Structure formats: C-alpha cells, structure tokens
Amino acid sequence: MQEPEPDPKMSGRVAMVALLVAFGVVALMVWIAG
C-alpha cells in the first residue's frame, strides 16, 4: 500500500496516532512491570 501524495493533514494525523500508540505501549509495559 502506498499513497500517491503525502498530505500534510494525514501526515500530522499519522504522527499523532503513532505518538499515542507509543505512549500506550510504554504505559502498558510499565503497568505489567509494576
């Protein structure tokens, strides 16, 4: 799957989702470890 053109809005949205996912993974790991 590849997009024809990078849309600034989509890029920002993907970055925000990636950040939330990363934060969730870290929180989950801390919760499991603790």
PDB file of N, CA and C in Angstrom:
ATOM      1  N   MET A   1       0.847  -1.201   0.000  1.00  0.00           N
ATOM      2  CA  MET A   1       0.000   0.000   0.000  1.00  0.00           C
ATOM      3  C   MET A   1       0.881   1.248   0.000  1.00  0.00           C
ATOM      4  N   GLN A   2       0.705   2.084  -0.987  1.00  0.00           N
ATOM      5  CA  GLN A   2       1.441   3.342  -0.964  1.00  0.00           C
ATOM      6  C   GLN A   2       0.547   4.469  -1.435  1.00  0.00           C
ATOM      7  N   GLU A   3       0.670   5.602  -0.761  1.00  0.00           N
ATOM      8  CA  GLU A   3      -0.178   6.735  -1.102  1.00  0.00           C
ATOM      9  C   GLU A   3       0.458   7.546  -2.223  1.00  0.00           C
ATOM     10  N   PRO A   4      -0.350   8.094  -3.115  1.00  0.00           N
ATOM     11  CA  PRO A   4       0.175   8.866  -4.244  1.00  0.00           C
ATOM     12  C   PRO A   4       0.921  10.125  -3.807  1.00  0.00           C
ATOM     13  N   GLU A   5       0.308  10.884  -2.907  1.00  0.00           N
ATOM     14  CA  GLU A   5       0.973  12.113  -2.451  1.00  0.00           C
ATOM     15  C   GLU A   5       0.840  12.266  -0.949  1.00  0.00           C
ATOM     16  N   PRO A   6       1.903  12.735  -0.293  1.00  0.00           N
ATOM     17  CA  PRO A   6       1.843  12.936   1.164  1.00  0.00           C
ATOM     18  C   PRO A   6       0.995  14.151   1.505  1.00  0.00           C
ATOM     19  N   ASP A   7      -0.077  13.907   2.220  1.00  0.00           N
ATOM     20  CA  ASP A   7      -0.961  15.008   2.626  1.00  0.00           C
ATOM     21  C   ASP A   7      -0.517  15.511   4.000  1.00  0.00           C
ATOM     22  N   PRO A   8      -0.284  16.816   4.147  1.00  0.00           N
ATOM     23  CA  PRO A   8       0.175  17.347   5.438  1.00  0.00           C
ATOM     24  C   PRO A   8      -0.762  16.990   6.581  1.00  0.00           C
ATOM     25  N   LYS A   9      -2.073  17.052   6.319  1.00  0.00           N
ATOM     26  CA  LYS A   9      -3.034  16.714   7.378  1.00  0.00           C
ATOM     27  C   LYS A   9      -2.897  15.241   7.763  1.00  0.00           C
ATOM     28  N   MET A  10      -2.831  14.371   6.762  1.00  0.00           N
ATOM     29  CA  MET A  10      -2.699  12.938   7.031  1.00  0.00           C
ATOM     30  C   MET A  10      -1.391  12.673   7.771  1.00  0.00           C
ATOM     31  N   SER A  11      -0.325  13.347   7.349  1.00  0.00           N
ATOM     32  CA  SER A  11       0.982  13.151   7.978  1.00  0.00           C
ATOM     33  C   SER A  11       0.911  13.497   9.461  1.00  0.00           C
ATOM     34  N   GLY A  12       0.324  14.630   9.774  1.00  0.00           N
ATOM     35  CA  GLY A  12       0.198  15.044  11.174  1.00  0.00           C
ATOM     36  C   GLY A  12      -0.662  14.065  11.952  1.00  0.00           C
ATOM     37  N   ARG A  13      -1.730  13.590  11.289  1.00  0.00           N
ATOM     38  CA  ARG A  13      -2.633  12.649  11.954  1.00  0.00           C
ATOM     39  C   ARG A  13      -1.900  11.345  12.254  1.00  0.00           C
ATOM     40  N   VAL A  14      -1.159  10.842  11.275  1.00  0.00           N
ATOM     41  CA  VAL A  14      -0.407   9.594  11.454  1.00  0.00           C
ATOM     42  C   VAL A  14       0.619   9.766  12.570  1.00  0.00           C
ATOM     43  N   ALA A  15       1.281  10.922  12.605  1.00  0.00           N
ATOM     44  CA  ALA A  15       2.278  11.183  13.644  1.00  0.00           C
ATOM     45  C   ALA A  15       1.620  11.179  15.022  1.00  0.00           C
ATOM     46  N   MET A  16       0.439  11.789  15.116  1.00  0.00           N
ATOM     47  CA  MET A  16      -0.261  11.844  16.405  1.00  0.00           C
ATOM     48  C   MET A  16      -0.678  10.445  16.842  1.00  0.00           C
ATOM     49  N   VAL A  17      -1.208   9.661  15.901  1.00  0.00           N
ATOM     50  CA  VAL A  17      -1.623   8.292  16.223  1.00  0.00           C
ATOM     51  C   VAL A  17      -0.417   7.470  16.654  1.00  0.00           C
ATOM     52  N   ALA A  18       0.700   7.616  15.939  1.00  0.00           N
ATOM     53  CA  ALA A  18       1.918   6.871  16.279  1.00  0.00           C
ATOM     54  C   ALA A  18       2.382   7.247  17.682  1.00  0.00           C
ATOM     55  N   LEU A  19       2.294   8.532  18.012  1.00  0.00           N
ATOM     56  CA  LEU A  19       2.708   9.001  19.336  1.00  0.00           C
ATOM     57  C   LEU A  19       1.813   8.388  20.412  1.00  0.00           C
ATOM     58  N   LEU A  20       0.507   8.380  20.162  1.00  0.00           N
ATOM     59  CA  LEU A  20      -0.438   7.801  21.129  1.00  0.00           C
ATOM     60  C   LEU A  20      -0.179   6.313  21.306  1.00  0.00           C
ATOM     61  N   VAL A  21       0.073   5.615  20.200  1.00  0.00           N
ATOM     62  CA  VAL A  21       0.342   4.171  20.261  1.00  0.00           C
ATOM     63  C   VAL A  21       1.618   3.922  21.063  1.00  0.00           C
ATOM     64  N   ALA A  22       2.668   4.703  20.791  1.00  0.00           N
ATOM     65  CA  ALA A  22       3.934   4.539  21.506  1.00  0.00           C
ATOM     66  C   ALA A  22       3.719   4.775  23.003  1.00  0.00           C
ATOM     67  N   PHE A  23       2.961   5.814  23.344  1.00  0.00           N
ATOM     68  CA  PHE A  23       2.687   6.126  24.745  1.00  0.00           C
ATOM     69  C   PHE A  23       1.915   4.988  25.400  1.00  0.00           C
ATOM     70  N   GLY A  24       0.942   4.449  24.663  1.00  0.00           N
ATOM     71  CA  GLY A  24       0.148   3.331  25.182  1.00  0.00           C
ATOM     72  C   GLY A  24       1.005   2.110  25.442  1.00  0.00           C
ATOM     73  N   VAL A  25       1.922   1.822  24.523  1.00  0.00           N
ATOM     74  CA  VAL A  25       2.801   0.656  24.684  1.00  0.00           C
ATOM     75  C   VAL A  25       3.687   0.842  25.913  1.00  0.00           C
ATOM     76  N   VAL A  26       4.246   2.037  26.071  1.00  0.00           N
ATOM     77  CA  VAL A  26       5.105   2.313  27.231  1.00  0.00           C
ATOM     78  C   VAL A  26       4.305   2.177  28.524  1.00  0.00           C
ATOM     79  N   ALA A  27       3.103   2.745  28.542  1.00  0.00           N
ATOM     80  CA  ALA A  27       2.256   2.667  29.736  1.00  0.00           C
ATOM     81  C   ALA A  27       1.922   1.210  30.057  1.00  0.00           C
ATOM     82  N   LEU A  28       1.626   0.430  29.029  1.00  0.00           N
ATOM     83  CA  LEU A  28       1.299  -0.983  29.228  1.00  0.00           C
ATOM     84  C   LEU A  28       2.497  -1.730  29.809  1.00  0.00           C
ATOM     85  N   MET A  29       3.695  -1.460  29.264  1.00  0.00           N
ATOM     86  CA  MET A  29       4.903  -2.132  29.755  1.00  0.00           C
ATOM     87  C   MET A  29       5.167  -1.765  31.213  1.00  0.00           C
ATOM     88  N   VAL A  30       4.988  -0.480  31.541  1.00  0.00           N
ATOM     89  CA  VAL A  30       5.201  -0.033  32.924  1.00  0.00           C
ATOM     90  C   VAL A  30       4.181  -0.698  33.843  1.00  0.00           C
ATOM     91  N   TRP A  31       2.933  -0.783  33.379  1.00  0.00           N
ATOM     92  CA  TRP A  31       1.863  -1.393  34.180  1.00  0.00           C
ATOM     93  C   TRP A  31       2.168  -2.871  34.423  1.00  0.00           C
ATOM     94  N   ILE A  32       2.633  -3.571  33.384  1.00  0.00           N
ATOM     95  CA  ILE A  32       2.954  -5.005  33.526  1.00  0.00           C
ATOM     96  C   ILE A  32       4.172  -5.176  34.439  1.00  0.00           C
ATOM     97  N   ALA A  33       5.171  -4.323  34.243  1.00  0.00           N
ATOM     98  CA  ALA A  33       6.398  -4.431  35.046  1.00  0.00           C
ATOM     99  C   ALA A  33       6.101  -4.106  36.509  1.00  0.00           C
ATOM    100  N   GLY A  34       5.219  -3.130  36.741  1.00  0.00           N
ATOM    101  CA  GLY A  34       4.912  -2.707  38.102  1.00  0.00           C
ATOM    102  C   GLY A  34       3.863  -3.617  38.687  1.00  0.00           C
TER     103      GLY A  34
END
